[in-house]
Amino acid sequence: LSPEQVYNADETGLFWRCLPSPSLEGGAVPG
């Protein structure tokens, strides 16, 4: 097998309406 034939899959949770915490991207929006 070459690297072309080796795959990896995994899940991640996405809180799609949750703005970043204050430590990310300048902080959450007040209010």
PDB file of all heavy atoms in Angstrom:
ATOM      1  N   LEU A   1       0.824  -1.208   0.000  1.00  0.00           N
ATOM      2  CA  LEU A   1       0.000   0.000   0.000  1.00  0.00           C
ATOM      3  C   LEU A   1       0.858   1.258   0.000  1.00  0.00           C
ATOM      4  O   LEU A   1       1.824   1.372   0.753  1.00  0.00           O
ATOM      5  CB  LEU A   1      -0.905   0.014   1.231  1.00  0.00           C
ATOM      6  CG  LEU A   1      -1.952  -1.107   1.313  1.00  0.00           C
ATOM      7  CD1 LEU A   1      -2.638  -1.078   2.660  1.00  0.00           C
ATOM      8  CD2 LEU A   1      -2.967  -0.971   0.204  1.00  0.00           C
ATOM      9  N   SER A   2       0.475   2.205  -0.829  1.00  0.00           N
ATOM     10  CA  SER A   2       1.097   3.522  -0.836  1.00  0.00           C
ATOM     11  C   SER A   2       0.259   4.456   0.034  1.00  0.00           C
ATOM     12  O   SER A   2      -0.891   4.131   0.376  1.00  0.00           O
ATOM     13  CB  SER A   2       1.173   4.065  -2.262  1.00  0.00           C
ATOM     14  OG  SER A   2      -0.138   4.372  -2.727  1.00  0.00           O
ATOM     15  N   PRO A   3       0.782   5.642   0.409  1.00  0.00           N
ATOM     16  CA  PRO A   3      -0.026   6.594   1.178  1.00  0.00           C
ATOM     17  C   PRO A   3      -1.344   6.961   0.486  1.00  0.00           C
ATOM     18  O   PRO A   3      -2.311   7.333   1.151  1.00  0.00           O
ATOM     19  CB  PRO A   3       0.901   7.808   1.311  1.00  0.00           C
ATOM     20  CG  PRO A   3       2.271   7.228   1.260  1.00  0.00           C
ATOM     21  CD  PRO A   3       2.174   6.090   0.276  1.00  0.00           C
ATOM     22  N   GLU A   4      -1.381   6.853  -0.835  1.00  0.00           N
ATOM     23  CA  GLU A   4      -2.605   7.132  -1.593  1.00  0.00           C
ATOM     24  C   GLU A   4      -3.730   6.194  -1.182  1.00  0.00           C
ATOM     25  O   GLU A   4      -4.918   6.533  -1.320  1.00  0.00           O
ATOM     26  CB  GLU A   4      -2.323   6.971  -3.092  1.00  0.00           C
ATOM     27  CG  GLU A   4      -3.378   7.541  -4.010  1.00  0.00           C
ATOM     28  CD  GLU A   4      -3.274   9.046  -4.157  1.00  0.00           C
ATOM     29  OE1 GLU A   4      -2.189   9.591  -3.901  1.00  0.00           O
ATOM     30  OE2 GLU A   4      -4.283   9.662  -4.526  1.00  0.00           O
ATOM     31  N   GLN A   5      -3.385   5.018  -0.662  1.00  0.00           N
ATOM     32  CA  GLN A   5      -4.371   3.980  -0.366  1.00  0.00           C
ATOM     33  C   GLN A   5      -4.683   3.848   1.115  1.00  0.00           C
ATOM     34  O   GLN A   5      -5.384   2.929   1.525  1.00  0.00           O
ATOM     35  CB  GLN A   5      -3.864   2.640  -0.904  1.00  0.00           C
ATOM     36  CG  GLN A   5      -3.666   2.612  -2.414  1.00  0.00           C
ATOM     37  CD  GLN A   5      -2.815   1.440  -2.848  1.00  0.00           C
ATOM     38  OE1 GLN A   5      -1.588   1.513  -2.894  1.00  0.00           O
ATOM     39  NE2 GLN A   5      -3.466   0.325  -3.172  1.00  0.00           N
ATOM     40  N   VAL A   6      -4.164   4.759   1.925  1.00  0.00           N
ATOM     41  CA  VAL A   6      -4.384   4.716   3.373  1.00  0.00           C
ATOM     42  C   VAL A   6      -5.243   5.911   3.780  1.00  0.00           C
ATOM     43  O   VAL A   6      -4.890   7.061   3.505  1.00  0.00           O
ATOM     44  CB  VAL A   6      -3.053   4.734   4.146  1.00  0.00           C
ATOM     45  CG1 VAL A   6      -3.307   4.753   5.658  1.00  0.00           C
ATOM     46  CG2 VAL A   6      -2.198   3.523   3.766  1.00  0.00           C
ATOM     47  N   TYR A   7      -6.375   5.638   4.434  1.00  0.00           N
ATOM     48  CA  TYR A   7      -7.343   6.667   4.812  1.00  0.00           C
ATOM     49  C   TYR A   7      -7.527   6.718   6.322  1.00  0.00           C
ATOM     50  O   TYR A   7      -7.276   5.745   7.031  1.00  0.00           O
ATOM     51  CB  TYR A   7      -8.699   6.391   4.158  1.00  0.00           C
ATOM     52  CG  TYR A   7      -8.734   6.594   2.662  1.00  0.00           C
ATOM     53  CD1 TYR A   7      -8.207   5.632   1.796  1.00  0.00           C
ATOM     54  CD2 TYR A   7      -9.305   7.732   2.104  1.00  0.00           C
ATOM     55  CE1 TYR A   7      -8.241   5.812   0.410  1.00  0.00           C
ATOM     56  CE2 TYR A   7      -9.356   7.919   0.724  1.00  0.00           C
ATOM     57  CZ  TYR A   7      -8.816   6.957  -0.110  1.00  0.00           C
ATOM     58  OH  TYR A   7      -8.847   7.139  -1.471  1.00  0.00           O
ATOM     59  N   ASN A   8      -7.987   7.859   6.784  1.00  0.00           N
ATOM     60  CA  ASN A   8      -8.388   7.998   8.186  1.00  0.00           C
ATOM     61  C   ASN A   8      -9.679   8.810   8.232  1.00  0.00           C
ATOM     62  O   ASN A   8      -9.871   9.734   7.446  1.00  0.00           O
ATOM     63  CB  ASN A   8      -7.297   8.703   8.997  1.00  0.00           C
ATOM     64  CG  ASN A   8      -7.689   8.938  10.461  1.00  0.00           C
ATOM     65  OD1 ASN A   8      -7.520  10.020  10.992  1.00  0.00           O
ATOM     66  ND2 ASN A   8      -8.201   7.909  11.128  1.00  0.00           N
ATOM     67  N   ALA A   9     -10.567   8.441   9.154  1.00  0.00           N
ATOM     68  CA  ALA A   9     -11.831   9.159   9.342  1.00  0.00           C
ATOM     69  C   ALA A   9     -12.055   9.375  10.824  1.00  0.00           C
ATOM     70  O   ALA A   9     -11.686   8.540  11.656  1.00  0.00           O
ATOM     71  CB  ALA A   9     -12.997   8.375   8.740  1.00  0.00           C
ATOM     72  N   ASP A  10     -12.690  10.499  11.157  1.00  0.00           N
ATOM     73  CA  ASP A  10     -13.030  10.769  12.549  1.00  0.00           C
ATOM     74  C   ASP A  10     -14.106  11.847  12.599  1.00  0.00           C
ATOM     75  O   ASP A  10     -14.275  12.616  11.648  1.00  0.00           O
ATOM     76  CB  ASP A  10     -11.801  11.218  13.341  1.00  0.00           C
ATOM     77  CG  ASP A  10     -12.036  11.151  14.845  1.00  0.00           C
ATOM     78  OD1 ASP A  10     -12.897  10.359  15.278  1.00  0.00           O
ATOM     79  OD2 ASP A  10     -11.370  11.896  15.594  1.00  0.00           O
ATOM     80  N   GLU A  11     -14.828  11.885  13.726  1.00  0.00           N
ATOM     81  CA  GLU A  11     -15.898  12.846  13.913  1.00  0.00           C
ATOM     82  C   GLU A  11     -15.437  14.020  14.774  1.00  0.00           C
ATOM     83  O   GLU A  11     -14.503  13.905  15.560  1.00  0.00           O
ATOM     84  CB  GLU A  11     -17.110  12.205  14.608  1.00  0.00           C
ATOM     85  CG  GLU A  11     -17.684  11.022  13.882  1.00  0.00           C
ATOM     86  CD  GLU A  11     -17.171   9.695  14.415  1.00  0.00           C
ATOM     87  OE1 GLU A  11     -15.988   9.666  14.868  1.00  0.00           O
ATOM     88  OE2 GLU A  11     -17.910   8.708  14.392  1.00  0.00           O
ATOM     89  N   THR A  12     -16.159  15.121  14.644  1.00  0.00           N
ATOM     90  CA  THR A  12     -16.015  16.245  15.561  1.00  0.00           C
ATOM     91  C   THR A  12     -17.388  16.863  15.764  1.00  0.00           C
ATOM     92  O   THR A  12     -18.221  16.869  14.854  1.00  0.00           O
ATOM     93  CB  THR A  12     -15.016  17.294  15.021  1.00  0.00           C
ATOM     94  OG1 THR A  12     -14.776  18.281  16.030  1.00  0.00           O
ATOM     95  CG2 THR A  12     -15.528  17.981  13.768  1.00  0.00           C
ATOM     96  N   GLY A  13     -17.646  17.351  16.963  1.00  0.00           N
ATOM     97  CA  GLY A  13     -18.910  18.020  17.234  1.00  0.00           C
ATOM     98  C   GLY A  13     -18.843  19.474  16.797  1.00  0.00           C
ATOM     99  O   GLY A  13     -17.814  20.139  16.957  1.00  0.00           O
ATOM    100  N   LEU A  14     -19.926  19.959  16.233  1.00  0.00           N
ATOM    101  CA  LEU A  14     -19.974  21.337  15.759  1.00  0.00           C
ATOM    102  C   LEU A  14     -21.198  22.029  16.362  1.00  0.00           C
ATOM    103  O   LEU A  14     -22.334  21.747  15.985  1.00  0.00           O
ATOM    104  CB  LEU A  14     -20.051  21.370  14.227  1.00  0.00           C
ATOM    105  CG  LEU A  14     -20.160  22.755  13.597  1.00  0.00           C
ATOM    106  CD1 LEU A  14     -18.936  23.612  13.926  1.00  0.00           C
ATOM    107  CD2 LEU A  14     -20.317  22.650  12.086  1.00  0.00           C
ATOM    108  N   PHE A  15     -20.952  22.918  17.338  1.00  0.00           N
ATOM    109  CA  PHE A  15     -22.021  23.730  17.904  1.00  0.00           C
ATOM    110  C   PHE A  15     -22.170  24.951  16.995  1.00  0.00           C
ATOM    111  O   PHE A  15     -21.540  25.984  17.201  1.00  0.00           O
ATOM    112  CB  PHE A  15     -21.680  24.122  19.343  1.00  0.00           C
ATOM    113  CG  PHE A  15     -21.701  22.958  20.290  1.00  0.00           C
ATOM    114  CD1 PHE A  15     -20.577  22.157  20.450  1.00  0.00           C
ATOM    115  CD2 PHE A  15     -22.860  22.643  20.997  1.00  0.00           C
ATOM    116  CE1 PHE A  15     -20.601  21.072  21.308  1.00  0.00           C
ATOM    117  CE2 PHE A  15     -22.879  21.554  21.861  1.00  0.00           C
ATOM    118  CZ  PHE A  15     -21.754  20.764  22.010  1.00  0.00           C
ATOM    119  N   TRP A  16     -23.011  24.800  15.994  1.00  0.00           N
ATOM    120  CA  TRP A  16     -23.006  25.721  14.864  1.00  0.00           C
ATOM    121  C   TRP A  16     -23.585  27.094  15.160  1.00  0.00           C
ATOM    122  O   TRP A  16     -23.401  28.029  14.371  1.00  0.00           O
ATOM    123  CB  TRP A  16     -23.727  25.095  13.675  1.00  0.00           C
ATOM    124  CG  TRP A  16     -25.131  24.623  13.935  1.00  0.00           C
ATOM    125  CD1 TRP A  16     -25.511  23.433  14.472  1.00  0.00           C
ATOM    126  CD2 TRP A  16     -26.337  25.333  13.656  1.00  0.00           C
ATOM    127  NE1 TRP A  16     -26.880  23.346  14.541  1.00  0.00           N
ATOM    128  CE2 TRP A  16     -27.404  24.492  14.042  1.00  0.00           C
ATOM    129  CE3 TRP A  16     -26.615  26.588  13.104  1.00  0.00           C
ATOM    130  CZ2 TRP A  16     -28.733  24.873  13.908  1.00  0.00           C
ATOM    131  CZ3 TRP A  16     -27.930  26.965  12.962  1.00  0.00           C
ATOM    132  CH2 TRP A  16     -28.983  26.115  13.362  1.00  0.00           C
ATOM    133  N   ARG A  17     -24.259  27.263  16.289  1.00  0.00           N
ATOM    134  CA  ARG A  17     -24.747  28.592  16.681  1.00  0.00           C
ATOM    135  C   ARG A  17     -23.980  29.157  17.870  1.00  0.00           C
ATOM    136  O   ARG A  17     -24.329  30.215  18.387  1.00  0.00           O
ATOM    137  CB  ARG A  17     -26.231  28.530  17.036  1.00  0.00           C
ATOM    138  CG  ARG A  17     -27.157  28.572  15.829  1.00  0.00           C
ATOM    139  CD  ARG A  17     -28.588  28.596  16.275  1.00  0.00           C
ATOM    140  NE  ARG A  17     -29.495  28.775  15.153  1.00  0.00           N
ATOM    141  CZ  ARG A  17     -30.813  28.655  15.239  1.00  0.00           C
ATOM    142  NH1 ARG A  17     -31.371  28.379  16.398  1.00  0.00           N
ATOM    143  NH2 ARG A  17     -31.572  28.827  14.181  1.00  0.00           N
ATOM    144  N   CYS A  18     -22.953  28.463  18.307  1.00  0.00           N
ATOM    145  CA  CYS A  18     -22.210  28.875  19.486  1.00  0.00           C
ATOM    146  C   CYS A  18     -20.980  29.655  19.051  1.00  0.00           C
ATOM    147  O   CYS A  18     -20.106  29.114  18.367  1.00  0.00           O
ATOM    148  CB  CYS A  18     -21.803  27.651  20.304  1.00  0.00           C
ATOM    149  SG  CYS A  18     -21.010  28.049  21.862  1.00  0.00           S
ATOM    150  N   LEU A  19     -20.897  30.914  19.418  1.00  0.00           N
ATOM    151  CA  LEU A  19     -19.759  31.741  19.046  1.00  0.00           C
ATOM    152  C   LEU A  19     -18.531  31.346  19.850  1.00  0.00           C
ATOM    153  O   LEU A  19     -18.635  30.764  20.931  1.00  0.00           O
ATOM    154  CB  LEU A  19     -20.086  33.215  19.278  1.00  0.00           C
ATOM    155  CG  LEU A  19     -21.245  33.765  18.431  1.00  0.00           C
ATOM    156  CD1 LEU A  19     -21.524  35.210  18.808  1.00  0.00           C
ATOM    157  CD2 LEU A  19     -20.934  33.645  16.951  1.00  0.00           C
ATOM    158  N   PRO A  20     -17.326  31.644  19.353  1.00  0.00           N
ATOM    159  CA  PRO A  20     -16.096  31.247  20.037  1.00  0.00           C
ATOM    160  C   PRO A  20     -16.013  31.820  21.444  1.00  0.00           C
ATOM    161  O   PRO A  20     -16.585  32.862  21.754  1.00  0.00           O
ATOM    162  CB  PRO A  20     -14.986  31.824  19.144  1.00  0.00           C
ATOM    163  CG  PRO A  20     -15.620  32.000  17.808  1.00  0.00           C
ATOM    164  CD  PRO A  20     -17.052  32.328  18.075  1.00  0.00           C
ATOM    165  N   SER A  21     -15.244  31.110  22.294  1.00  0.00           N
ATOM    166  CA  SER A  21     -15.003  31.589  23.645  1.00  0.00           C
ATOM    167  C   SER A  21     -14.099  32.809  23.590  1.00  0.00           C
ATOM    168  O   SER A  21     -13.488  33.099  22.567  1.00  0.00           O
ATOM    169  CB  SER A  21     -14.347  30.482  24.471  1.00  0.00           C
ATOM    170  OG  SER A  21     -13.032  30.246  23.993  1.00  0.00           O
ATOM    171  N   PRO A  22     -13.966  33.555  24.697  1.00  0.00           N
ATOM    172  CA  PRO A  22     -13.124  34.754  24.683  1.00  0.00           C
ATOM    173  C   PRO A  22     -11.683  34.503  24.271  1.00  0.00           C
ATOM    174  O   PRO A  22     -10.991  35.436  23.887  1.00  0.00           O
ATOM    175  CB  PRO A  22     -13.207  35.241  26.133  1.00  0.00           C
ATOM    176  CG  PRO A  22     -14.530  34.755  26.616  1.00  0.00           C
ATOM    177  CD  PRO A  22     -14.706  33.404  25.944  1.00  0.00           C
ATOM    178  N   SER A  23     -11.231  33.262  24.329  1.00  0.00           N
ATOM    179  CA  SER A  23      -9.844  32.968  23.961  1.00  0.00           C
ATOM    180  C   SER A  23      -9.674  32.772  22.463  1.00  0.00           C
ATOM    181  O   SER A  23      -8.565  32.607  21.977  1.00  0.00           O
ATOM    182  CB  SER A  23      -9.364  31.701  24.690  1.00  0.00           C
ATOM    183  OG  SER A  23     -10.153  30.589  24.301  1.00  0.00           O
ATOM    184  N   LEU A  24     -10.787  32.778  21.707  1.00  0.00           N
ATOM    185  CA  LEU A  24     -10.725  32.532  20.268  1.00  0.00           C
ATOM    186  C   LEU A  24     -11.328  33.692  19.492  1.00  0.00           C
ATOM    187  O   LEU A  24     -12.395  34.211  19.845  1.00  0.00           O
ATOM    188  CB  LEU A  24     -11.483  31.241  19.899  1.00  0.00           C
ATOM    189  CG  LEU A  24     -10.901  29.928  20.415  1.00  0.00           C
ATOM    190  CD1 LEU A  24     -11.880  28.804  20.086  1.00  0.00           C
ATOM    191  CD2 LEU A  24      -9.558  29.646  19.788  1.00  0.00           C
ATOM    192  N   GLU A  25     -10.641  34.064  18.431  1.00  0.00           N
ATOM    193  CA  GLU A  25     -11.177  35.007  17.456  1.00  0.00           C
ATOM    194  C   GLU A  25     -11.732  36.284  18.080  1.00  0.00           C
ATOM    195  O   GLU A  25     -12.735  36.838  17.648  1.00  0.00           O
ATOM    196  CB  GLU A  25     -12.286  34.334  16.623  1.00  0.00           C
ATOM    197  CG  GLU A  25     -11.835  33.076  15.906  1.00  0.00           C
ATOM    198  CD  GLU A  25     -10.766  33.372  14.870  1.00  0.00           C
ATOM    199  OE1 GLU A  25     -10.832  34.436  14.226  1.00  0.00           O
ATOM    200  OE2 GLU A  25      -9.866  32.534  14.708  1.00  0.00           O
ATOM    201  N   GLY A  26     -11.112  36.771  19.175  1.00  0.00           N
ATOM    202  CA  GLY A  26     -11.500  38.062  19.733  1.00  0.00           C
ATOM    203  C   GLY A  26     -12.645  38.021  20.716  1.00  0.00           C
ATOM    204  O   GLY A  26     -13.084  39.061  21.197  1.00  0.00           O
ATOM    205  N   GLY A  27     -13.184  36.842  21.033  1.00  0.00           N
ATOM    206  CA  GLY A  27     -14.197  36.746  22.074  1.00  0.00           C
ATOM    207  C   GLY A  27     -15.611  36.699  21.548  1.00  0.00           C
ATOM    208  O   GLY A  27     -15.893  37.003  20.401  1.00  0.00           O
ATOM    209  N   ALA A  28     -16.511  36.276  22.427  1.00  0.00           N
ATOM    210  CA  ALA A  28     -17.917  36.171  22.071  1.00  0.00           C
ATOM    211  C   ALA A  28     -18.552  37.560  21.980  1.00  0.00           C
ATOM    212  O   ALA A  28     -18.055  38.529  22.526  1.00  0.00           O
ATOM    213  CB  ALA A  28     -18.649  35.318  23.114  1.00  0.00           C
ATOM    214  N   VAL A  29     -19.654  37.616  21.273  1.00  0.00           N
ATOM    215  CA  VAL A  29     -20.342  38.886  21.081  1.00  0.00           C
ATOM    216  C   VAL A  29     -21.209  39.174  22.307  1.00  0.00           C
ATOM    217  O   VAL A  29     -22.024  38.339  22.687  1.00  0.00           O
ATOM    218  CB  VAL A  29     -21.215  38.839  19.809  1.00  0.00           C
ATOM    219  CG1 VAL A  29     -21.955  40.152  19.619  1.00  0.00           C
ATOM    220  CG2 VAL A  29     -20.349  38.527  18.604  1.00  0.00           C
ATOM    221  N   PRO A  30     -21.056  40.342  22.945  1.00  0.00           N
ATOM    222  CA  PRO A  30     -21.864  40.669  24.135  1.00  0.00           C
ATOM    223  C   PRO A  30     -23.351  40.640  23.809  1.00  0.00           C
ATOM    224  O   PRO A  30     -23.785  41.082  22.754  1.00  0.00           O
ATOM    225  CB  PRO A  30     -21.397  42.090  24.502  1.00  0.00           C
ATOM    226  CG  PRO A  30     -20.050  42.221  23.872  1.00  0.00           C
ATOM    227  CD  PRO A  30     -20.106  41.408  22.612  1.00  0.00           C
ATOM    228  N   GLY A  31     -24.128  40.112  24.764  1.00  0.00           N
ATOM    229  CA  GLY A  31     -25.570  40.130  24.617  1.00  0.00           C
ATOM    230  C   GLY A  31     -26.146  39.012  23.782  1.00  0.00           C
ATOM    231  O   GLY A  31     -27.360  38.939  23.618  1.00  0.00           O
TER     232      GLY A  31
END
